[in-house]
Amino acid sequence: MIKAILWDNDGLLLDSEKVFFELTQAAFAEFGFELKEEYWGIEYLGKAKRTRQVAHEFGMRPELIDRIIELRDGRFLEALQHPISLRPKVRETLDSLAGRFKQGVVTGSPREKVDLMHRSSGLEGYFDVIVTHDDVAETKPHPEPYLAAMELLGVKPGSCIAVEDSERGLASAHAAGIDCIVVPNPLTCIQSFELAYAIEEDVAGVLKHLE
């Protein structure tokens, strides 16, 4: 019996992944580099490469990489001062699950940014636990984030389900022994999800797997 749902954050609950990509793309373009959605979706969101590694593959000098990342990060932090749009059907789905299941967020983002996003977008208070980049030694696709969330909630792999939007998130949940439903977004839909328990168009599709 399912007792808990463990949600990814960026690109699944919030459109922050889109904002982050567009700011990265704009920063690359300012210095003459074209960053395409397909490349970002596969290499960064799918294979868990960092921005620095992506920029290095574009042939950028280290000092230029530092400048671009600093520029992008500053703009992203500024964007987080305003509400980030929720992905389709997120609020109504979370409302329908409240009080019936334990709910947690498992994300590779820093806690400061997650807390800021949740406060400004009205998601604060929905989740029993939030495991962030700051809480683990290894991030997705390593299983540690999901193992940590299960320990905090006191649940086993067979009594919870993960919901992710990317291949690396799916790999993390699968490695932790958790069935994972994938809800791709426009940046991750190019990825491969063979390990998925199910693939749904939006987060409301998760509900039929909990009965």
C-alpha atoms as a PDB file:
ATOM      1  CA  MET A   1       0.000   0.000   0.000  1.00  0.00           C
ATOM      2  CA  ILE A   2       1.329   3.427  -0.931  1.00  0.00           C
ATOM      3  CA  LYS A   3       1.870   5.679   2.097  1.00  0.00           C
ATOM      4  CA  ALA A   4       4.074   8.422   0.650  1.00  0.00           C
ATOM      5  CA  ILE A   5       4.681  10.333  -2.582  1.00  0.00           C
ATOM      6  CA  LEU A   6       8.135  11.767  -3.216  1.00  0.00           C
ATOM      7  CA  TRP A   7       8.176  14.612  -5.709  1.00  0.00           C
ATOM      8  CA  ASP A   8      10.979  16.148  -7.700  1.00  0.00           C
ATOM      9  CA  ASN A   9      10.806  19.944  -7.652  1.00  0.00           C
ATOM     10  CA  ASP A  10      12.231  21.800 -10.657  1.00  0.00           C
ATOM     11  CA  GLY A  11      10.466  21.071 -13.927  1.00  0.00           C
ATOM     12  CA  LEU A  12       7.855  18.905 -12.227  1.00  0.00           C
ATOM     13  CA  LEU A  13       6.141  21.057  -9.595  1.00  0.00           C
ATOM     14  CA  LEU A  14       7.516  24.399 -10.783  1.00  0.00           C
ATOM     15  CA  ASP A  15       8.595  25.817 -14.130  1.00  0.00           C
ATOM     16  CA  SER A  16      11.941  26.821 -12.614  1.00  0.00           C
ATOM     17  CA  GLU A  17      13.781  24.456 -14.973  1.00  0.00           C
ATOM     18  CA  LYS A  18      12.506  26.470 -17.936  1.00  0.00           C
ATOM     19  CA  VAL A  19      13.531  29.765 -16.320  1.00  0.00           C
ATOM     20  CA  PHE A  20      16.997  28.412 -15.490  1.00  0.00           C
ATOM     21  CA  PHE A  21      17.530  27.134 -19.027  1.00  0.00           C
ATOM     22  CA  GLU A  22      16.374  30.352 -20.692  1.00  0.00           C
ATOM     23  CA  LEU A  23      18.705  32.424 -18.510  1.00  0.00           C
ATOM     24  CA  THR A  24      21.586  30.063 -19.260  1.00  0.00           C
ATOM     25  CA  GLN A  25      20.788  30.158 -22.966  1.00  0.00           C
ATOM     26  CA  ALA A  26      20.710  33.968 -22.922  1.00  0.00           C
ATOM     27  CA  ALA A  27      24.041  34.180 -21.069  1.00  0.00           C
ATOM     28  CA  PHE A  28      25.670  31.802 -23.571  1.00  0.00           C
ATOM     29  CA  ALA A  29      24.266  33.845 -26.465  1.00  0.00           C
ATOM     30  CA  GLU A  30      25.689  37.095 -25.082  1.00  0.00           C
ATOM     31  CA  PHE A  31      29.149  35.646 -25.661  1.00  0.00           C
ATOM     32  CA  GLY A  32      28.408  34.098 -29.038  1.00  0.00           C
ATOM     33  CA  PHE A  33      27.461  30.535 -28.090  1.00  0.00           C
ATOM     34  CA  GLU A  34      24.181  28.894 -29.138  1.00  0.00           C
ATOM     35  CA  LEU A  35      22.721  26.586 -26.502  1.00  0.00           C
ATOM     36  CA  LYS A  36      19.847  24.506 -27.848  1.00  0.00           C
ATOM     37  CA  GLU A  37      17.012  22.949 -25.864  1.00  0.00           C
ATOM     38  CA  GLU A  38      17.796  19.452 -27.111  1.00  0.00           C
ATOM     39  CA  TYR A  39      21.413  19.631 -25.993  1.00  0.00           C
ATOM     40  CA  TRP A  40      20.495  20.983 -22.549  1.00  0.00           C
ATOM     41  CA  GLY A  41      17.696  18.457 -22.148  1.00  0.00           C
ATOM     42  CA  ILE A  42      19.985  15.501 -22.833  1.00  0.00           C
ATOM     43  CA  GLU A  43      23.345  16.576 -21.422  1.00  0.00           C
ATOM     44  CA  TYR A  44      22.412  18.727 -18.408  1.00  0.00           C
ATOM     45  CA  LEU A  45      18.974  17.472 -17.386  1.00  0.00           C
ATOM     46  CA  GLY A  46      19.442  13.887 -18.526  1.00  0.00           C
ATOM     47  CA  LYS A  47      23.115  13.056 -17.945  1.00  0.00           C
ATOM     48  CA  ALA A  48      23.553  15.359 -14.934  1.00  0.00           C
ATOM     49  CA  LYS A  49      26.394  17.387 -16.441  1.00  0.00           C
ATOM     50  CA  ARG A  50      27.031  20.692 -14.704  1.00  0.00           C
ATOM     51  CA  THR A  51      26.902  24.055 -16.511  1.00  0.00           C
ATOM     52  CA  ARG A  52      30.696  24.302 -16.246  1.00  0.00           C
ATOM     53  CA  GLN A  53      31.119  20.970 -18.025  1.00  0.00           C
ATOM     54  CA  VAL A  54      28.648  21.938 -20.750  1.00  0.00           C
ATOM     55  CA  ALA A  55      30.445  25.252 -21.278  1.00  0.00           C
ATOM     56  CA  HIS A  56      33.811  23.471 -21.440  1.00  0.00           C
ATOM     57  CA  GLU A  57      32.429  21.198 -24.162  1.00  0.00           C
ATOM     58  CA  PHE A  58      31.516  24.341 -26.081  1.00  0.00           C
ATOM     59  CA  GLY A  59      35.212  25.298 -26.029  1.00  0.00           C
ATOM     60  CA  MET A  60      34.917  28.208 -23.599  1.00  0.00           C
ATOM     61  CA  ARG A  61      37.935  29.501 -21.698  1.00  0.00           C
ATOM     62  CA  PRO A  62      37.765  28.939 -17.902  1.00  0.00           C
ATOM     63  CA  GLU A  63      37.588  32.682 -17.140  1.00  0.00           C
ATOM     64  CA  LEU A  64      34.672  33.078 -19.573  1.00  0.00           C
ATOM     65  CA  ILE A  65      32.886  30.121 -17.998  1.00  0.00           C
ATOM     66  CA  ASP A  66      33.194  31.748 -14.571  1.00  0.00           C
ATOM     67  CA  ARG A  67      31.800  35.014 -15.943  1.00  0.00           C
ATOM     68  CA  ILE A  68      28.835  33.353 -17.655  1.00  0.00           C
ATOM     69  CA  ILE A  69      27.907  31.256 -14.617  1.00  0.00           C
ATOM     70  CA  GLU A  70      28.127  34.275 -12.310  1.00  0.00           C
ATOM     71  CA  LEU A  71      25.945  36.285 -14.695  1.00  0.00           C
ATOM     72  CA  ARG A  72      23.339  33.518 -15.020  1.00  0.00           C
ATOM     73  CA  ASP A  73      23.245  32.720 -11.299  1.00  0.00           C
ATOM     74  CA  GLY A  74      22.689  36.360 -10.405  1.00  0.00           C
ATOM     75  CA  ARG A  75      19.812  36.642 -12.842  1.00  0.00           C
ATOM     76  CA  PHE A  76      18.272  33.376 -11.619  1.00  0.00           C
ATOM     77  CA  LEU A  77      18.386  34.504  -7.995  1.00  0.00           C
ATOM     78  CA  GLU A  78      16.710  37.736  -9.062  1.00  0.00           C
ATOM     79  CA  ALA A  79      14.009  35.759 -10.899  1.00  0.00           C
ATOM     80  CA  LEU A  80      13.335  33.752  -7.741  1.00  0.00           C
ATOM     81  CA  GLN A  81      12.320  36.915  -5.944  1.00  0.00           C
ATOM     82  CA  HIS A  82       9.078  36.646  -7.921  1.00  0.00           C
ATOM     83  CA  PRO A  83       6.622  33.720  -8.076  1.00  0.00           C
ATOM     84  CA  ILE A  84       7.649  30.904 -10.405  1.00  0.00           C
ATOM     85  CA  SER A  85       4.743  29.393 -12.338  1.00  0.00           C
ATOM     86  CA  LEU A  86       3.482  26.006 -11.220  1.00  0.00           C
ATOM     87  CA  ARG A  87       3.400  23.190 -13.739  1.00  0.00           C
ATOM     88  CA  PRO A  88      -0.082  22.093 -14.927  1.00  0.00           C
ATOM     89  CA  LYS A  89      -2.466  20.654 -12.313  1.00  0.00           C
ATOM     90  CA  VAL A  90       0.101  20.799  -9.508  1.00  0.00           C
ATOM     91  CA  ARG A  91      -1.916  22.663  -6.884  1.00  0.00           C
ATOM     92  CA  GLU A  92      -5.124  20.694  -7.341  1.00  0.00           C
ATOM     93  CA  THR A  93      -3.193  17.414  -7.245  1.00  0.00           C
ATOM     94  CA  LEU A  94      -1.350  18.323  -4.051  1.00  0.00           C
ATOM     95  CA  ASP A  95      -4.632  19.495  -2.496  1.00  0.00           C
ATOM     96  CA  SER A  96      -6.295  16.184  -3.313  1.00  0.00           C
ATOM     97  CA  LEU A  97      -3.455  14.249  -1.629  1.00  0.00           C
ATOM     98  CA  ALA A  98      -3.159  16.420   1.488  1.00  0.00           C
ATOM     99  CA  GLY A  99      -3.961  14.491   4.653  1.00  0.00           C
ATOM    100  CA  ARG A 100      -4.188  11.177   2.791  1.00  0.00           C
ATOM    101  CA  PHE A 101      -0.507  10.530   2.072  1.00  0.00           C
ATOM    102  CA  LYS A 102       2.827  11.652   3.393  1.00  0.00           C
ATOM    103  CA  GLN A 103       4.500  13.911   0.844  1.00  0.00           C
ATOM    104  CA  GLY A 104       8.108  14.877   0.346  1.00  0.00           C
ATOM    105  CA  VAL A 105      10.271  16.774  -2.109  1.00  0.00           C
ATOM    106  CA  VAL A 106      13.566  15.305  -3.320  1.00  0.00           C
ATOM    107  CA  THR A 107      15.599  17.841  -5.273  1.00  0.00           C
ATOM    108  CA  GLY A 108      19.108  18.697  -6.368  1.00  0.00           C
ATOM    109  CA  SER A 109      18.535  22.403  -5.754  1.00  0.00           C
ATOM    110  CA  PRO A 110      19.942  24.211  -2.679  1.00  0.00           C
ATOM    111  CA  ARG A 111      17.552  24.588   0.241  1.00  0.00           C
ATOM    112  CA  GLU A 112      17.683  28.383   0.150  1.00  0.00           C
ATOM    113  CA  LYS A 113      16.369  28.438  -3.416  1.00  0.00           C
ATOM    114  CA  VAL A 114      13.757  25.733  -2.796  1.00  0.00           C
ATOM    115  CA  ASP A 115      12.393  27.561   0.247  1.00  0.00           C
ATOM    116  CA  LEU A 116      12.276  30.802  -1.734  1.00  0.00           C
ATOM    117  CA  MET A 117      10.428  29.168  -4.627  1.00  0.00           C
ATOM    118  CA  HIS A 118       7.912  27.476  -2.349  1.00  0.00           C
ATOM    119  CA  ARG A 119       7.163  30.637  -0.382  1.00  0.00           C
ATOM    120  CA  SER A 120       6.667  32.798  -3.460  1.00  0.00           C
ATOM    121  CA  SER A 121       4.660  30.172  -5.370  1.00  0.00           C
ATOM    122  CA  GLY A 122       2.388  29.022  -2.533  1.00  0.00           C
ATOM    123  CA  LEU A 123       3.804  25.505  -2.086  1.00  0.00           C
ATOM    124  CA  GLU A 124       5.050  26.079   1.450  1.00  0.00           C
ATOM    125  CA  GLY A 125       3.361  23.751   3.930  1.00  0.00           C
ATOM    126  CA  TYR A 126       2.411  20.952   1.534  1.00  0.00           C
ATOM    127  CA  PHE A 127       5.383  18.700   2.299  1.00  0.00           C
ATOM    128  CA  ASP A 128       6.372  16.660   5.343  1.00  0.00           C
ATOM    129  CA  VAL A 129      10.045  16.572   4.329  1.00  0.00           C
ATOM    130  CA  ILE A 130      12.237  18.342   1.779  1.00  0.00           C
ATOM    131  CA  VAL A 131      15.602  16.793   0.875  1.00  0.00           C
ATOM    132  CA  THR A 132      17.862  19.213  -0.987  1.00  0.00           C
ATOM    133  CA  HIS A 133      21.375  19.390  -2.399  1.00  0.00           C
ATOM    134  CA  ASP A 134      22.525  20.620   1.025  1.00  0.00           C
ATOM    135  CA  ASP A 135      21.329  17.487   2.834  1.00  0.00           C
ATOM    136  CA  VAL A 136      23.263  14.791   0.978  1.00  0.00           C
ATOM    137  CA  ALA A 137      26.810  13.969  -0.087  1.00  0.00           C
ATOM    138  CA  GLU A 138      25.689  12.583  -3.465  1.00  0.00           C
ATOM    139  CA  THR A 139      22.952  14.043  -5.675  1.00  0.00           C
ATOM    140  CA  LYS A 140      20.820  12.476  -8.408  1.00  0.00           C
ATOM    141  CA  PRO A 141      21.293  10.098 -10.210  1.00  0.00           C
ATOM    142  CA  HIS A 142      22.761   8.632  -6.991  1.00  0.00           C
ATOM    143  CA  PRO A 143      20.092   7.011  -4.767  1.00  0.00           C
ATOM    144  CA  GLU A 144      21.139   8.887  -1.612  1.00  0.00           C
ATOM    145  CA  PRO A 145      18.529  11.684  -1.876  1.00  0.00           C
ATOM    146  CA  TYR A 146      15.665   9.180  -2.044  1.00  0.00           C
ATOM    147  CA  LEU A 147      17.141   6.983   0.666  1.00  0.00           C
ATOM    148  CA  ALA A 148      17.380  10.040   2.911  1.00  0.00           C
ATOM    149  CA  ALA A 149      13.755  11.014   2.231  1.00  0.00           C
ATOM    150  CA  MET A 150      12.494   7.523   3.031  1.00  0.00           C
ATOM    151  CA  GLU A 151      14.445   7.466   6.293  1.00  0.00           C
ATOM    152  CA  LEU A 152      12.996  10.833   7.329  1.00  0.00           C
ATOM    153  CA  LEU A 153       9.454   9.714   6.528  1.00  0.00           C
ATOM    154  CA  GLY A 154       9.874   6.239   8.019  1.00  0.00           C
ATOM    155  CA  VAL A 155       8.784   4.422   4.859  1.00  0.00           C
ATOM    156  CA  LYS A 156      10.185   1.591   2.745  1.00  0.00           C
ATOM    157  CA  PRO A 157      10.566   1.509  -1.061  1.00  0.00           C
ATOM    158  CA  GLY A 158       7.441  -0.627  -1.482  1.00  0.00           C
ATOM    159  CA  SER A 159       5.241   1.849   0.365  1.00  0.00           C
ATOM    160  CA  CYS A 160       6.146   4.986  -1.559  1.00  0.00           C
ATOM    161  CA  ILE A 161       6.255   6.202  -5.122  1.00  0.00           C
ATOM    162  CA  ALA A 162       8.497   8.794  -6.763  1.00  0.00           C
ATOM    163  CA  VAL A 163       7.464  11.327  -9.392  1.00  0.00           C
ATOM    164  CA  GLU A 164      10.148  12.768 -11.658  1.00  0.00           C
ATOM    165  CA  ASP A 165      10.507  14.675 -14.917  1.00  0.00           C
ATOM    166  CA  SER A 166      13.997  13.557 -15.979  1.00  0.00           C
ATOM    167  CA  GLU A 167      16.119  10.521 -16.715  1.00  0.00           C
ATOM    168  CA  ARG A 168      18.599  11.298 -13.927  1.00  0.00           C
ATOM    169  CA  GLY A 169      15.790  11.638 -11.380  1.00  0.00           C
ATOM    170  CA  LEU A 170      14.279   8.373 -12.569  1.00  0.00           C
ATOM    171  CA  ALA A 171      17.672   6.674 -12.215  1.00  0.00           C
ATOM    172  CA  SER A 172      17.993   7.980  -8.646  1.00  0.00           C
ATOM    173  CA  ALA A 173      14.577   6.675  -7.578  1.00  0.00           C
ATOM    174  CA  HIS A 174      15.091   3.356  -9.344  1.00  0.00           C
ATOM    175  CA  ALA A 175      18.478   2.862  -7.674  1.00  0.00           C
ATOM    176  CA  ALA A 176      16.765   3.433  -4.306  1.00  0.00           C
ATOM    177  CA  GLY A 177      14.267   0.692  -5.136  1.00  0.00           C
ATOM    178  CA  ILE A 178      11.300   3.028  -5.622  1.00  0.00           C
ATOM    179  CA  ASP A 179       8.775   2.797  -8.460  1.00  0.00           C
ATOM    180  CA  CYS A 180       8.878   6.081 -10.362  1.00  0.00           C
ATOM    181  CA  ILE A 181       6.235   7.818 -12.455  1.00  0.00           C
ATOM    182  CA  VAL A 182       7.682  10.218 -15.017  1.00  0.00           C
ATOM    183  CA  VAL A 183       5.943  13.430 -16.088  1.00  0.00           C
ATOM    184  CA  PRO A 184       8.163  14.862 -18.844  1.00  0.00           C
ATOM    185  CA  ASN A 185       8.279  18.578 -19.554  1.00  0.00           C
ATOM    186  CA  PRO A 186       9.212  20.281 -22.859  1.00  0.00           C
ATOM    187  CA  LEU A 187      12.912  20.163 -21.975  1.00  0.00           C
ATOM    188  CA  THR A 188      13.036  16.536 -20.813  1.00  0.00           C
ATOM    189  CA  CYS A 189      10.576  14.901 -23.226  1.00  0.00           C
ATOM    190  CA  ILE A 190      13.518  14.066 -25.514  1.00  0.00           C
ATOM    191  CA  GLN A 191      14.967  11.734 -22.875  1.00  0.00           C
ATOM    192  CA  SER A 192      14.537   7.968 -22.504  1.00  0.00           C
ATOM    193  CA  PHE A 193      12.411   6.564 -19.658  1.00  0.00           C
ATOM    194  CA  GLU A 194      12.594   2.764 -19.981  1.00  0.00           C
ATOM    195  CA  LEU A 195      12.820   2.317 -16.207  1.00  0.00           C
ATOM    196  CA  ALA A 196       9.626   4.271 -15.526  1.00  0.00           C
ATOM    197  CA  TYR A 197       6.715   2.632 -13.727  1.00  0.00           C
ATOM    198  CA  ALA A 198       4.468   4.856 -15.853  1.00  0.00           C
ATOM    199  CA  ILE A 199       4.676   7.999 -17.970  1.00  0.00           C
ATOM    200  CA  GLU A 200       1.980  10.629 -17.503  1.00  0.00           C
ATOM    201  CA  GLU A 201       1.102  13.871 -19.296  1.00  0.00           C
ATOM    202  CA  ASP A 202       0.741  15.879 -16.068  1.00  0.00           C
ATOM    203  CA  VAL A 203       1.019  15.296 -12.330  1.00  0.00           C
ATOM    204  CA  ALA A 204      -2.705  14.576 -11.989  1.00  0.00           C
ATOM    205  CA  GLY A 205      -1.985  11.290 -13.773  1.00  0.00           C
ATOM    206  CA  VAL A 206      -0.267  10.111 -10.610  1.00  0.00           C
ATOM    207  CA  LEU A 207      -3.610   9.826  -8.797  1.00  0.00           C
ATOM    208  CA  LYS A 208      -4.791   6.744 -10.652  1.00  0.00           C
ATOM    209  CA  HIS A 209      -1.677   4.832  -9.531  1.00  0.00           C
ATOM    210  CA  LEU A 210      -2.395   5.395  -5.843  1.00  0.00           C
ATOM    211  CA  GLU A 211      -5.686   3.524  -5.606  1.00  0.00           C
END
